[in-house]
Protein backbone atom coordinates (compact mmCIF):
# COMPACT_ATOMS: atom_id res chain seq x y z
CA UNK A 1 -36.10 -30.87 -52.14
CA UNK A 2 -33.62 -32.50 -49.78
CA UNK A 3 -30.52 -31.14 -48.40
CA UNK A 4 -27.97 -33.61 -47.05
CA UNK A 5 -24.96 -32.51 -44.96
CA UNK A 6 -22.15 -34.86 -44.96
CA UNK A 7 -19.73 -35.21 -42.06
CA UNK A 8 -22.14 -33.68 -39.55
CA UNK A 9 -21.73 -36.42 -36.96
CA UNK A 10 -17.83 -36.14 -37.34
CA UNK A 11 -18.16 -32.31 -36.92
CA UNK A 12 -20.49 -32.70 -33.77
CA UNK A 13 -18.04 -35.15 -32.18
CA UNK A 14 -15.14 -32.86 -32.77
CA UNK A 15 -16.92 -30.01 -31.29
CA UNK A 16 -17.92 -31.95 -28.19
CA UNK A 17 -14.21 -33.03 -27.68
CA UNK A 18 -13.19 -29.31 -27.94
CA UNK A 19 -15.80 -28.26 -25.46
CA UNK A 20 -14.27 -30.68 -22.91
CA UNK A 21 -10.65 -29.89 -23.65
CA UNK A 22 -8.52 -29.72 -20.46
CA UNK A 23 -6.09 -27.11 -21.89
CA UNK A 24 -8.77 -24.34 -21.61
CA UNK A 25 -9.09 -25.14 -17.91
CA UNK A 26 -5.24 -24.82 -17.64
CA UNK A 27 -5.34 -21.27 -19.33
CA UNK A 28 -8.17 -20.07 -17.08
CA UNK A 29 -6.48 -21.36 -14.02
CA UNK A 30 -3.16 -19.67 -14.93
CA UNK A 31 -5.01 -16.41 -15.57
CA UNK A 32 -6.96 -16.61 -12.29
CA UNK A 33 -3.85 -17.32 -10.27
CA UNK A 34 -2.11 -14.34 -11.94
CA UNK A 35 -4.97 -12.14 -10.93
CA UNK A 36 -4.96 -13.49 -7.46
CA UNK A 37 -1.35 -12.85 -7.10
CA UNK A 38 -1.67 -9.27 -8.36
CA UNK A 39 -4.43 -8.56 -5.86
CA UNK A 40 -2.58 -10.12 -2.95
CA UNK A 41 0.63 -8.09 -3.73
CA UNK A 42 -1.57 -4.99 -3.99
CA UNK A 43 -3.31 -5.47 -0.72
CA UNK A 44 -2.01 -3.30 2.22
CA UNK A 45 -0.76 -5.39 5.12
CA UNK A 46 -1.45 -4.73 8.93
CA UNK A 47 -2.02 -8.25 10.34
CA UNK A 48 -2.01 -10.10 7.01
CA UNK A 49 -5.60 -11.35 7.39
CA UNK A 50 -6.77 -9.45 4.35
CA UNK A 51 -3.96 -10.52 2.06
CA UNK A 52 -4.29 -13.99 3.09
CA UNK A 53 -8.12 -14.16 2.41
CA UNK A 54 -7.71 -13.50 -1.38
CA UNK A 55 -8.54 -16.81 -2.82
CA UNK A 56 -9.32 -18.16 -6.31
CA UNK A 57 -12.29 -20.13 -7.38
CA UNK A 58 -12.44 -22.19 -10.46
CA UNK A 59 -15.24 -24.02 -12.21
CA UNK A 60 -16.50 -25.30 -15.41
CA UNK A 61 -14.95 -27.45 -17.90
CA UNK A 62 -13.37 -27.00 -21.29
CA UNK A 63 -14.84 -23.87 -23.09
CA UNK A 64 -17.17 -23.36 -20.10
CA UNK A 65 -14.18 -22.80 -17.82
CA UNK A 66 -14.37 -19.81 -15.43
CA UNK A 67 -12.27 -18.36 -12.56
CA UNK A 68 -12.73 -15.57 -10.09
CA UNK A 69 -10.83 -14.15 -7.29
CA UNK A 70 -12.45 -12.91 -3.95
CA UNK A 71 -12.29 -12.38 -0.32
CA UNK A 72 -14.43 -13.18 2.58
CA UNK A 73 -13.13 -10.57 5.01
CA UNK A 74 -15.92 -8.36 6.05
CA UNK A 75 -13.74 -5.15 6.26
CA UNK A 76 -12.08 -5.52 2.75
CA UNK A 77 -14.60 -3.25 1.10
CA UNK A 78 -13.14 -0.47 3.26
CA UNK A 79 -9.71 -1.22 1.76
CA UNK A 80 -11.08 -1.42 -1.65
CA UNK A 81 -13.40 1.57 -1.70
CA UNK A 82 -12.22 3.66 1.37
CA UNK A 83 -14.39 5.20 3.93
CA UNK A 84 -15.38 8.86 4.93
CA UNK A 85 -12.08 9.04 6.80
CA UNK A 86 -9.82 6.85 4.78
CA UNK A 87 -9.12 6.84 1.02
CA UNK A 88 -9.16 3.62 -1.01
CA UNK A 89 -5.48 2.44 -1.35
CA UNK A 90 -3.30 -0.30 -2.70
CA UNK A 91 0.36 -1.19 -2.33
CA UNK A 92 3.09 -1.00 -4.96
CA UNK A 93 6.48 -2.13 -5.04
CA UNK A 94 8.97 0.07 -6.85
CA UNK A 95 12.60 -1.01 -7.60
CA UNK A 96 14.90 1.85 -6.55
CA UNK A 97 18.65 2.23 -6.86
CA UNK A 98 18.72 3.84 -3.41
CA UNK A 99 17.20 0.79 -1.89
CA UNK A 100 19.30 -1.61 -3.65
CA UNK A 101 22.42 0.30 -2.42
CA UNK A 102 20.98 0.28 1.07
CA UNK A 103 21.05 -3.51 0.86
CA UNK A 104 17.25 -4.05 1.14
CA UNK A 105 16.94 -5.80 -2.23
CA UNK A 106 16.09 -2.79 -4.35
CA UNK A 107 12.39 -2.70 -3.50
CA UNK A 108 10.58 0.15 -1.84
CA UNK A 109 7.06 -0.37 -0.80
CA UNK A 110 4.63 2.51 -1.17
CA UNK A 111 0.82 3.04 -0.74
CA UNK A 112 -1.07 4.63 -3.55
CA UNK A 113 -4.26 6.31 -2.67
CA UNK A 114 -7.31 6.58 -4.93
CA UNK A 115 -8.20 3.04 -5.84
CA UNK A 116 -8.28 -0.33 -4.11
CA UNK A 117 -6.29 -3.53 -4.70
CA UNK A 118 -8.82 -5.23 -6.91
CA UNK A 119 -9.45 -2.12 -9.07
CA UNK A 120 -5.76 -1.70 -9.50
CA UNK A 121 -5.12 -5.31 -10.19
CA UNK A 122 -7.78 -5.54 -12.81
CA UNK A 123 -6.25 -2.58 -14.66
CA UNK A 124 -2.97 -4.30 -14.63
CA UNK A 125 -4.45 -7.67 -15.62
CA UNK A 126 -6.39 -6.12 -18.56
CA UNK A 127 -3.21 -5.31 -20.24
CA UNK A 128 -2.36 -9.13 -20.33
CA UNK A 129 -5.80 -10.04 -21.82
CA UNK A 130 -4.56 -10.05 -25.48
CA UNK A 131 -1.88 -12.69 -24.37
CA UNK A 132 -4.37 -14.83 -22.64
CA UNK A 133 -6.82 -14.57 -25.66
CA UNK A 134 -3.83 -15.87 -27.87
CA UNK A 135 -3.18 -18.65 -25.53
CA UNK A 136 -6.90 -19.70 -25.74
CA UNK A 137 -6.81 -19.45 -29.59
CA UNK A 138 -3.75 -21.68 -29.68
CA UNK A 139 -5.39 -24.31 -27.47
CA UNK A 140 -8.50 -24.11 -29.61
CA UNK A 141 -6.39 -24.79 -32.69
CA UNK A 142 -4.70 -27.71 -31.10
CA UNK A 143 -7.90 -29.21 -29.99
CA UNK A 144 -9.33 -28.80 -33.56
CA UNK A 145 -6.32 -30.57 -34.98
CA UNK A 146 -6.64 -33.68 -32.76
């Protein structure tokens, strides 16, 4: 008995092209930069060093694309997880009518205790994951149709 599959070479070539598709890199880059921005905006500022240290790293190609956000500041874990004398904290900006009428752009800065900037930002980012998955699915469909 012999089984012959026709079009296997064509299918393999199409799959290889999809695996190298640049649009996947673009979606991962956009998502990684979004997370970086969320973390930066949530990081409390004293000197600005911790906030400035939040950087993205991108790698891979096509469907193997990946992105991560991190910091190399040694004291950042104290901001993220707190200490025996200081609770973890992140910064939030809340639009307020009082601030707007006071002429300061309608934004009030506040510190929220209990979780760090990365933890908070990941919770916010997770809500956007379905949209990111949809973008990846659209790019996969486009790549398949090429």
